[in-house]
Amino acid sequence: MQNPFLKFSFFIVLALFITGCYQDVTDVNNGNDDDNNNGELPGEFSHKNTPGDSNEDFVTNQEFDNLVIEIQYMPGMEPDEESLNNLLDFLDEHLDKTDITILVPQSINSLNQTSYTLEDLQDLEDENREVYSEESTLAAYILIVDGSYFGGQFEEPTRLSISTYNTSIALFGGTIDRISGPLTFEPSKLLVETNSMNHQFGHLMGLVDLSTEMVDEHLDSPNDHHCTNQECLMHFRVNSTEFFDSQFDDQISVLDNFCVDDLHSLIE
């Protein structure tokens, strides 16, 4: 098990609104095509697959014993250190890894946009990401932008985060800042960031019925790879600003037994 404190390594380094935090990127990057492998040679690990495709790589230690997480953020969007500790605890609880390391978050330039499309997020990752999987270490990537999400033809100002590739997620820091704050009637930034990051890593692990098969039926089919349990981290509303309209006690959402059993089935 991991030390519960954040480990810093100084390497160079949801329907409209809320139901689509899992994003199928196959049409954008043609899945496993060698020409879209971010310069990787055929047969090497691809970081441009659909979210959930690397579920076993995340959950088990068969191919990768270690996990390293690179974080990049736009000015003013630096993540709360405690939310990163919470992410580390969440991953340590559910992944079978020898070591999990979160690198020191790095600032990148803003595009000065009020909203960002999936393609914008993927382009930013292609331009700025520095850490990739090699040998026994799986690399994941978190991008925090200073705007909201623009999906299809409409801006979706209630969506908090999205999975962009099989090892990467993005948080909409502009939206998170808009709904969070220190007042008693506002959810804390810590709570919103923690739930958003943990929720998206759940999708990278293949939840719900994304690539990790269900042990028992708990798929909320109308809401696209989410859990039917309203108290579960993987319920679709957790990725919506609407979820926090009455969440002021900083109670972090957790995986229910259905989702935990699905992950355990990969390890057993």
C-alpha atoms as a PDB file:
ATOM      1  CA  MET A   1       0.000   0.000   0.000  1.00  0.00           C
ATOM      2  CA  GLN A   2       1.125   3.538  -0.660  1.00  0.00           C
ATOM      3  CA  ASN A   3       2.115   6.245   1.746  1.00  0.00           C
ATOM      4  CA  PRO A   4      -1.077   8.354   2.020  1.00  0.00           C
ATOM      5  CA  PHE A   5       0.796  11.553   1.515  1.00  0.00           C
ATOM      6  CA  LEU A   6       1.422  13.050  -1.915  1.00  0.00           C
ATOM      7  CA  LYS A   7       4.818  12.109  -3.324  1.00  0.00           C
ATOM      8  CA  PHE A   8       6.435  14.784  -5.441  1.00  0.00           C
ATOM      9  CA  SER A   9       9.012  13.837  -8.043  1.00  0.00           C
ATOM     10  CA  PHE A  10      10.944  16.600  -9.733  1.00  0.00           C
ATOM     11  CA  PHE A  11      11.133  15.118 -13.204  1.00  0.00           C
ATOM     12  CA  ILE A  12      11.231  17.232 -16.347  1.00  0.00           C
ATOM     13  CA  VAL A  13       8.480  17.108 -17.009  1.00  0.00           C
ATOM     14  CA  LEU A  14     -22.988  14.937 -18.350  1.00  0.00           C
ATOM     15  CA  ALA A  15     -28.031  14.119 -22.671  1.00  0.00           C
ATOM     16  CA  LEU A  16     -26.570  17.563 -23.100  1.00  0.00           C
ATOM     17  CA  PHE A  17     -24.782  18.897 -20.026  1.00  0.00           C
ATOM     18  CA  ILE A  18     -23.928  15.863 -17.877  1.00  0.00           C
ATOM     19  CA  THR A  19     -24.190  12.416 -19.403  1.00  0.00           C
ATOM     20  CA  GLY A  20     -21.082  12.341 -21.567  1.00  0.00           C
ATOM     21  CA  CYS A  21     -18.029  12.481 -19.316  1.00  0.00           C
ATOM     22  CA  TYR A  22     -16.869   9.289 -20.988  1.00  0.00           C
ATOM     23  CA  GLN A  23     -15.925  10.291 -24.529  1.00  0.00           C
ATOM     24  CA  ASP A  24     -15.393   7.814 -27.370  1.00  0.00           C
ATOM     25  CA  VAL A  25     -12.381   9.173 -29.256  1.00  0.00           C
ATOM     26  CA  THR A  26     -12.194   6.429 -31.878  1.00  0.00           C
ATOM     27  CA  ASP A  27     -13.573   8.638 -34.631  1.00  0.00           C
ATOM     28  CA  VAL A  28     -11.036  11.328 -33.807  1.00  0.00           C
ATOM     29  CA  ASN A  29      -7.884   9.211 -33.754  1.00  0.00           C
ATOM     30  CA  ASN A  30      -8.861   5.980 -35.506  1.00  0.00           C
ATOM     31  CA  GLY A  31      -8.325   3.837 -32.430  1.00  0.00           C
ATOM     32  CA  ASN A  32      -5.108   1.829 -32.708  1.00  0.00           C
ATOM     33  CA  ASP A  33      -3.935   3.000 -36.129  1.00  0.00           C
ATOM     34  CA  ASP A  34      -0.143   3.119 -36.235  1.00  0.00           C
ATOM     35  CA  ASP A  35      -0.203   6.513 -37.949  1.00  0.00           C
ATOM     36  CA  ASN A  36      -1.960   7.957 -34.896  1.00  0.00           C
ATOM     37  CA  ASN A  37       0.345   6.594 -32.224  1.00  0.00           C
ATOM     38  CA  ASN A  38       1.916   9.900 -31.121  1.00  0.00           C
ATOM     39  CA  GLY A  39       5.187   9.014 -32.781  1.00  0.00           C
ATOM     40  CA  GLU A  40       5.355   5.621 -31.112  1.00  0.00           C
ATOM     41  CA  LEU A  41       6.544   2.614 -33.037  1.00  0.00           C
ATOM     42  CA  PRO A  42       4.024  -0.100 -33.985  1.00  0.00           C
ATOM     43  CA  GLY A  43       3.588  -2.479 -31.063  1.00  0.00           C
ATOM     44  CA  GLU A  44       4.495   0.132 -28.437  1.00  0.00           C
ATOM     45  CA  PHE A  45       1.951   1.254 -25.878  1.00  0.00           C
ATOM     46  CA  SER A  46      -0.511   3.725 -27.397  1.00  0.00           C
ATOM     47  CA  HIS A  47      -1.765   6.683 -25.385  1.00  0.00           C
ATOM     48  CA  LYS A  48      -4.334   7.649 -28.016  1.00  0.00           C
ATOM     49  CA  ASN A  49      -6.920   4.940 -27.593  1.00  0.00           C
ATOM     50  CA  THR A  50     -10.492   5.211 -26.359  1.00  0.00           C
ATOM     51  CA  PRO A  51     -10.996   5.838 -22.610  1.00  0.00           C
ATOM     52  CA  GLY A  52     -11.303   2.514 -20.802  1.00  0.00           C
ATOM     53  CA  ASP A  53      -9.177   0.585 -23.299  1.00  0.00           C
ATOM     54  CA  SER A  54      -6.337   0.371 -20.748  1.00  0.00           C
ATOM     55  CA  ASN A  55      -8.480  -0.765 -17.820  1.00  0.00           C
ATOM     56  CA  GLU A  56      -6.334  -3.806 -17.009  1.00  0.00           C
ATOM     57  CA  ASP A  57      -3.156  -1.751 -17.323  1.00  0.00           C
ATOM     58  CA  PHE A  58      -4.494   0.571 -14.628  1.00  0.00           C
ATOM     59  CA  VAL A  59      -6.077  -1.939 -12.272  1.00  0.00           C
ATOM     60  CA  THR A  60      -3.669  -4.898 -12.406  1.00  0.00           C
ATOM     61  CA  ASN A  61       0.096  -5.231 -12.140  1.00  0.00           C
ATOM     62  CA  GLN A  62       0.429  -7.698 -15.008  1.00  0.00           C
ATOM     63  CA  GLU A  63       2.067  -5.246 -17.419  1.00  0.00           C
ATOM     64  CA  PHE A  64       2.767  -2.218 -15.221  1.00  0.00           C
ATOM     65  CA  ASP A  65       3.819  -2.348 -11.561  1.00  0.00           C
ATOM     66  CA  ASN A  66       4.002   1.426 -11.201  1.00  0.00           C
ATOM     67  CA  LEU A  67       1.840   4.417 -12.093  1.00  0.00           C
ATOM     68  CA  VAL A  68       3.100   7.967 -12.593  1.00  0.00           C
ATOM     69  CA  ILE A  69       0.700  10.882 -13.090  1.00  0.00           C
ATOM     70  CA  GLU A  70       1.661  14.082 -14.889  1.00  0.00           C
ATOM     71  CA  ILE A  71      -0.485  17.181 -14.242  1.00  0.00           C
ATOM     72  CA  GLN A  72      -0.526  20.352 -16.302  1.00  0.00           C
ATOM     73  CA  TYR A  73      -2.736  23.352 -15.631  1.00  0.00           C
ATOM     74  CA  MET A  74      -3.448  26.742 -17.128  1.00  0.00           C
ATOM     75  CA  PRO A  75      -2.632  29.901 -15.100  1.00  0.00           C
ATOM     76  CA  GLY A  76      -4.860  30.217 -12.047  1.00  0.00           C
ATOM     77  CA  MET A  77      -6.017  26.584 -12.298  1.00  0.00           C
ATOM     78  CA  GLU A  78      -3.422  24.877 -10.084  1.00  0.00           C
ATOM     79  CA  PRO A  79      -5.021  21.911  -8.302  1.00  0.00           C
ATOM     80  CA  ASP A  80      -5.419  21.813  -4.539  1.00  0.00           C
ATOM     81  CA  GLU A  81      -2.658  19.725  -2.943  1.00  0.00           C
ATOM     82  CA  GLU A  82      -5.158  17.923  -0.728  1.00  0.00           C
ATOM     83  CA  SER A  83      -7.260  16.932  -3.738  1.00  0.00           C
ATOM     84  CA  LEU A  84      -4.145  15.268  -5.172  1.00  0.00           C
ATOM     85  CA  ASN A  85      -3.650  13.445  -1.876  1.00  0.00           C
ATOM     86  CA  ASN A  86      -7.265  12.292  -2.138  1.00  0.00           C
ATOM     87  CA  LEU A  87      -6.667  11.055  -5.681  1.00  0.00           C
ATOM     88  CA  LEU A  88      -3.581   9.175  -4.493  1.00  0.00           C
ATOM     89  CA  ASP A  89      -5.588   7.526  -1.708  1.00  0.00           C
ATOM     90  CA  PHE A  90      -8.347   6.572  -4.158  1.00  0.00           C
ATOM     91  CA  LEU A  91      -5.926   4.984  -6.615  1.00  0.00           C
ATOM     92  CA  ASP A  92      -3.971   3.246  -3.885  1.00  0.00           C
ATOM     93  CA  GLU A  93      -7.200   1.671  -2.652  1.00  0.00           C
ATOM     94  CA  HIS A  94      -8.372   0.354  -6.011  1.00  0.00           C
ATOM     95  CA  LEU A  95      -5.246  -0.338  -8.083  1.00  0.00           C
ATOM     96  CA  ASP A  96      -2.826  -3.222  -7.676  1.00  0.00           C
ATOM     97  CA  LYS A  97       0.387  -1.190  -7.998  1.00  0.00           C
ATOM     98  CA  THR A  98       3.716  -1.262  -6.224  1.00  0.00           C
ATOM     99  CA  ASP A  99       4.154   2.489  -6.502  1.00  0.00           C
ATOM    100  CA  ILE A 100       1.948   5.439  -7.467  1.00  0.00           C
ATOM    101  CA  THR A 101       3.576   8.837  -7.946  1.00  0.00           C
ATOM    102  CA  ILE A 102       2.015  12.216  -8.688  1.00  0.00           C
ATOM    103  CA  LEU A 103       4.519  14.585 -10.267  1.00  0.00           C
ATOM    104  CA  VAL A 104       4.719  18.261  -9.352  1.00  0.00           C
ATOM    105  CA  PRO A 105       1.954  20.035 -11.337  1.00  0.00           C
ATOM    106  CA  GLN A 106       3.301  22.231 -14.138  1.00  0.00           C
ATOM    107  CA  SER A 107       1.783  25.407 -15.604  1.00  0.00           C
ATOM    108  CA  ILE A 108       1.155  25.707 -19.356  1.00  0.00           C
ATOM    109  CA  ASN A 109      -0.046  28.616 -21.459  1.00  0.00           C
ATOM    110  CA  SER A 110      -3.735  29.352 -21.756  1.00  0.00           C
ATOM    111  CA  LEU A 111      -5.475  29.463 -25.125  1.00  0.00           C
ATOM    112  CA  ASN A 112      -7.581  32.327 -23.714  1.00  0.00           C
ATOM    113  CA  GLN A 113     -10.820  30.598 -24.639  1.00  0.00           C
ATOM    114  CA  THR A 114     -14.029  30.570 -22.630  1.00  0.00           C
ATOM    115  CA  SER A 115     -14.655  26.939 -23.628  1.00  0.00           C
ATOM    116  CA  TYR A 116     -12.726  23.961 -24.992  1.00  0.00           C
ATOM    117  CA  THR A 117     -13.723  21.143 -27.322  1.00  0.00           C
ATOM    118  CA  LEU A 118     -12.498  17.561 -27.106  1.00  0.00           C
ATOM    119  CA  GLU A 119     -10.208  18.284 -30.044  1.00  0.00           C
ATOM    120  CA  ASP A 120      -8.779  21.312 -28.197  1.00  0.00           C
ATOM    121  CA  LEU A 121      -8.010  19.139 -25.186  1.00  0.00           C
ATOM    122  CA  GLN A 122      -6.364  16.450 -27.285  1.00  0.00           C
ATOM    123  CA  ASP A 123      -4.279  19.027 -29.171  1.00  0.00           C
ATOM    124  CA  LEU A 124      -3.136  20.556 -25.868  1.00  0.00           C
ATOM    125  CA  GLU A 125      -2.087  17.149 -24.618  1.00  0.00           C
ATOM    126  CA  ASP A 126      -0.214  16.382 -27.847  1.00  0.00           C
ATOM    127  CA  GLU A 127       1.654  19.691 -27.579  1.00  0.00           C
ATOM    128  CA  ASN A 128       2.450  19.699 -23.880  1.00  0.00           C
ATOM    129  CA  ARG A 129       2.466  16.186 -22.417  1.00  0.00           C
ATOM    130  CA  GLU A 130       5.962  14.984 -21.546  1.00  0.00           C
ATOM    131  CA  VAL A 131       5.607  11.711 -19.623  1.00  0.00           C
ATOM    132  CA  TYR A 132       4.620   8.474 -21.366  1.00  0.00           C
ATOM    133  CA  SER A 133       4.463   4.813 -20.373  1.00  0.00           C
ATOM    134  CA  GLU A 134       7.644   2.792 -20.601  1.00  0.00           C
ATOM    135  CA  GLU A 135       8.966  -0.485 -19.227  1.00  0.00           C
ATOM    136  CA  SER A 136       7.029  -1.291 -16.026  1.00  0.00           C
ATOM    137  CA  THR A 137       5.606   2.218 -15.475  1.00  0.00           C
ATOM    138  CA  LEU A 138       2.199   3.293 -16.753  1.00  0.00           C
ATOM    139  CA  ALA A 139       1.864   7.047 -17.271  1.00  0.00           C
ATOM    140  CA  ALA A 140      -1.376   9.003 -16.892  1.00  0.00           C
ATOM    141  CA  TYR A 141      -2.079  12.647 -17.662  1.00  0.00           C
ATOM    142  CA  ILE A 142      -4.348  15.293 -16.125  1.00  0.00           C
ATOM    143  CA  LEU A 143      -5.031  18.593 -17.902  1.00  0.00           C
ATOM    144  CA  ILE A 144      -6.836  21.471 -16.166  1.00  0.00           C
ATOM    145  CA  VAL A 145      -8.099  24.215 -18.492  1.00  0.00           C
ATOM    146  CA  ASP A 146      -9.438  27.670 -17.647  1.00  0.00           C
ATOM    147  CA  GLY A 147     -12.829  27.364 -19.318  1.00  0.00           C
ATOM    148  CA  SER A 148     -15.885  25.170 -19.698  1.00  0.00           C
ATOM    149  CA  TYR A 149     -16.639  22.319 -22.095  1.00  0.00           C
ATOM    150  CA  PHE A 150     -17.919  22.840 -25.623  1.00  0.00           C
ATOM    151  CA  GLY A 151     -19.382  19.630 -26.991  1.00  0.00           C
ATOM    152  CA  GLY A 152     -20.868  19.313 -30.438  1.00  0.00           C
ATOM    153  CA  GLN A 153     -22.672  22.557 -31.240  1.00  0.00           C
ATOM    154  CA  PHE A 154     -23.319  23.654 -27.676  1.00  0.00           C
ATOM    155  CA  GLU A 155     -21.403  24.807 -24.645  1.00  0.00           C
ATOM    156  CA  GLU A 156     -21.995  22.531 -21.667  1.00  0.00           C
ATOM    157  CA  PRO A 157     -21.371  24.747 -18.616  1.00  0.00           C
ATOM    158  CA  THR A 158     -22.401  22.071 -16.105  1.00  0.00           C
ATOM    159  CA  ARG A 159     -19.831  19.432 -17.077  1.00  0.00           C
ATOM    160  CA  LEU A 160     -16.851  19.289 -14.757  1.00  0.00           C
ATOM    161  CA  SER A 161     -14.451  16.866 -16.422  1.00  0.00           C
ATOM    162  CA  ILE A 162     -13.946  14.434 -19.277  1.00  0.00           C
ATOM    163  CA  SER A 163     -11.815  11.434 -20.213  1.00  0.00           C
ATOM    164  CA  THR A 164      -9.907  12.344 -23.355  1.00  0.00           C
ATOM    165  CA  TYR A 165      -7.805   9.253 -24.129  1.00  0.00           C
ATOM    166  CA  ASN A 166      -7.115   5.876 -22.520  1.00  0.00           C
ATOM    167  CA  THR A 167      -4.604   7.376 -20.060  1.00  0.00           C
ATOM    168  CA  SER A 168      -5.712  10.996 -19.848  1.00  0.00           C
ATOM    169  CA  ILE A 169      -8.438  13.171 -18.385  1.00  0.00           C
ATOM    170  CA  ALA A 170      -9.249  16.879 -18.385  1.00  0.00           C
ATOM    171  CA  LEU A 171     -10.875  19.089 -15.762  1.00  0.00           C
ATOM    172  CA  PHE A 172     -12.753  22.278 -16.630  1.00  0.00           C
ATOM    173  CA  GLY A 173     -11.179  24.572 -14.077  1.00  0.00           C
ATOM    174  CA  GLY A 174     -13.228  27.550 -15.164  1.00  0.00           C
ATOM    175  CA  THR A 175     -16.423  25.687 -14.333  1.00  0.00           C
ATOM    176  CA  ILE A 176     -15.004  24.321 -11.074  1.00  0.00           C
ATOM    177  CA  ASP A 177     -13.977  27.819  -9.953  1.00  0.00           C
ATOM    178  CA  ARG A 178     -17.398  29.184 -10.863  1.00  0.00           C
ATOM    179  CA  ILE A 179     -19.341  26.832  -8.588  1.00  0.00           C
ATOM    180  CA  SER A 180     -16.901  26.394  -5.688  1.00  0.00           C
ATOM    181  CA  GLY A 181     -15.824  28.709  -2.920  1.00  0.00           C
ATOM    182  CA  PRO A 182     -15.341  29.263   0.815  1.00  0.00           C
ATOM    183  CA  LEU A 183     -18.905  30.300   1.646  1.00  0.00           C
ATOM    184  CA  THR A 184     -21.228  27.988   3.564  1.00  0.00           C
ATOM    185  CA  PHE A 185     -23.586  27.643   0.593  1.00  0.00           C
ATOM    186  CA  GLU A 186     -20.768  26.762  -1.825  1.00  0.00           C
ATOM    187  CA  PRO A 187     -19.006  23.400  -2.287  1.00  0.00           C
ATOM    188  CA  SER A 188     -15.260  23.593  -1.746  1.00  0.00           C
ATOM    189  CA  LYS A 189     -12.846  23.428  -4.651  1.00  0.00           C
ATOM    190  CA  LEU A 190     -11.266  20.464  -2.864  1.00  0.00           C
ATOM    191  CA  LEU A 191     -14.529  18.507  -2.982  1.00  0.00           C
ATOM    192  CA  VAL A 192     -15.300  19.286  -6.637  1.00  0.00           C
ATOM    193  CA  GLU A 193     -11.751  18.566  -7.831  1.00  0.00           C
ATOM    194  CA  THR A 194     -11.517  15.317  -5.888  1.00  0.00           C
ATOM    195  CA  ASN A 195     -14.834  13.970  -7.142  1.00  0.00           C
ATOM    196  CA  SER A 196     -14.049  15.018 -10.721  1.00  0.00           C
ATOM    197  CA  MET A 197     -10.603  13.420 -10.847  1.00  0.00           C
ATOM    198  CA  ASN A 198     -11.684  10.228  -9.087  1.00  0.00           C
ATOM    199  CA  HIS A 199     -14.759   9.905 -11.320  1.00  0.00           C
ATOM    200  CA  GLN A 200     -12.720  10.154 -14.509  1.00  0.00           C
ATOM    201  CA  PHE A 201     -10.083   7.712 -13.308  1.00  0.00           C
ATOM    202  CA  GLY A 202     -12.997   5.356 -12.695  1.00  0.00           C
ATOM    203  CA  HIS A 203     -13.731   5.581 -16.421  1.00  0.00           C
ATOM    204  CA  LEU A 204     -10.064   4.939 -17.250  1.00  0.00           C
ATOM    205  CA  MET A 205     -10.420   1.777 -15.150  1.00  0.00           C
ATOM    206  CA  GLY A 206     -13.273   0.728 -17.431  1.00  0.00           C
ATOM    207  CA  LEU A 207     -16.255   1.666 -15.261  1.00  0.00           C
ATOM    208  CA  VAL A 208     -19.178   1.267 -15.773  1.00  0.00           C
ATOM    209  CA  ASP A 209     -19.375  -1.608 -18.289  1.00  0.00           C
ATOM    210  CA  LEU A 210     -17.029   0.420 -20.465  1.00  0.00           C
ATOM    211  CA  SER A 211     -14.336  -2.220 -20.834  1.00  0.00           C
ATOM    212  CA  THR A 212     -14.504  -3.744 -17.367  1.00  0.00           C
ATOM    213  CA  GLU A 213     -17.349  -6.242 -17.375  1.00  0.00           C
ATOM    214  CA  MET A 214     -19.986  -6.000 -14.664  1.00  0.00           C
ATOM    215  CA  VAL A 215     -20.189  -8.730 -12.038  1.00  0.00           C
ATOM    216  CA  ASP A 216     -23.778  -7.679 -11.331  1.00  0.00           C
ATOM    217  CA  GLU A 217     -26.017  -5.451 -13.412  1.00  0.00           C
ATOM    218  CA  HIS A 218     -25.725  -1.802 -12.389  1.00  0.00           C
ATOM    219  CA  LEU A 219     -25.439   0.084 -15.695  1.00  0.00           C
ATOM    220  CA  ASP A 220     -27.488   3.258 -16.028  1.00  0.00           C
ATOM    221  CA  SER A 221     -27.969   2.789 -19.770  1.00  0.00           C
ATOM    222  CA  PRO A 222     -29.685   6.123 -20.513  1.00  0.00           C
ATOM    223  CA  ASN A 223     -26.728   7.968 -19.017  1.00  0.00           C
ATOM    224  CA  ASP A 224     -23.836   6.372 -20.830  1.00  0.00           C
ATOM    225  CA  HIS A 225     -21.541   4.107 -18.765  1.00  0.00           C
ATOM    226  CA  HIS A 226     -22.557   5.268 -15.314  1.00  0.00           C
ATOM    227  CA  CYS A 227     -23.790   3.526 -12.190  1.00  0.00           C
ATOM    228  CA  THR A 228     -27.448   3.224 -11.193  1.00  0.00           C
ATOM    229  CA  ASN A 229     -26.617   3.937  -7.535  1.00  0.00           C
ATOM    230  CA  GLN A 230     -27.114   7.643  -6.851  1.00  0.00           C
ATOM    231  CA  GLU A 231     -24.661   7.424  -3.935  1.00  0.00           C
ATOM    232  CA  CYS A 232     -21.847   5.998  -6.083  1.00  0.00           C
ATOM    233  CA  LEU A 233     -18.895   7.990  -7.390  1.00  0.00           C
ATOM    234  CA  MET A 234     -19.736   6.693 -10.879  1.00  0.00           C
ATOM    235  CA  HIS A 235     -23.292   8.059 -10.929  1.00  0.00           C
ATOM    236  CA  PHE A 236     -23.633  10.499 -13.826  1.00  0.00           C
ATOM    237  CA  ARG A 237     -24.616  13.470 -11.657  1.00  0.00           C
ATOM    238  CA  VAL A 238     -21.240  13.441  -9.884  1.00  0.00           C
ATOM    239  CA  ASN A 239     -19.736  14.994 -13.023  1.00  0.00           C
ATOM    240  CA  SER A 240     -22.288  17.800 -13.056  1.00  0.00           C
ATOM    241  CA  THR A 241     -22.435  21.148 -11.292  1.00  0.00           C
ATOM    242  CA  GLU A 242     -26.007  20.212 -10.381  1.00  0.00           C
ATOM    243  CA  PHE A 243     -24.698  17.477  -8.082  1.00  0.00           C
ATOM    244  CA  PHE A 244     -23.131  20.113  -5.837  1.00  0.00           C
ATOM    245  CA  ASP A 245     -26.211  22.312  -5.490  1.00  0.00           C
ATOM    246  CA  SER A 246     -26.767  20.747  -2.059  1.00  0.00           C
ATOM    247  CA  GLN A 247     -23.319  19.228  -1.364  1.00  0.00           C
ATOM    248  CA  PHE A 248     -21.761  21.523   1.215  1.00  0.00           C
ATOM    249  CA  ASP A 249     -20.388  19.050   3.742  1.00  0.00           C
ATOM    250  CA  ASP A 250     -17.316  18.107   1.667  1.00  0.00           C
ATOM    251  CA  GLN A 251     -18.372  14.466   1.677  1.00  0.00           C
ATOM    252  CA  ILE A 252     -16.252  12.826  -1.031  1.00  0.00           C
ATOM    253  CA  SER A 253     -18.093  10.287  -3.177  1.00  0.00           C
ATOM    254  CA  VAL A 254     -16.836   6.683  -3.183  1.00  0.00           C
ATOM    255  CA  LEU A 255     -17.333   3.628  -5.364  1.00  0.00           C
ATOM    256  CA  ASP A 256     -20.236   1.419  -4.362  1.00  0.00           C
ATOM    257  CA  ASN A 257     -19.922  -2.346  -3.935  1.00  0.00           C
ATOM    258  CA  PHE A 258     -21.010  -3.028  -7.518  1.00  0.00           C
ATOM    259  CA  CYS A 259     -18.148  -0.964  -8.972  1.00  0.00           C
ATOM    260  CA  VAL A 260     -15.638  -2.330  -6.462  1.00  0.00           C
ATOM    261  CA  ASP A 261     -16.621  -5.891  -7.366  1.00  0.00           C
ATOM    262  CA  ASP A 262     -16.114  -5.092 -11.067  1.00  0.00           C
ATOM    263  CA  LEU A 263     -12.551  -3.912 -10.377  1.00  0.00           C
ATOM    264  CA  HIS A 264     -11.783  -6.865  -8.131  1.00  0.00           C
ATOM    265  CA  SER A 265     -12.818  -9.208 -10.934  1.00  0.00           C
ATOM    266  CA  LEU A 266      -9.876  -7.935 -12.998  1.00  0.00           C
ATOM    267  CA  ILE A 267      -7.379  -8.754 -10.264  1.00  0.00           C
ATOM    268  CA  GLU A 268      -8.703 -12.123  -9.108  1.00  0.00           C
END
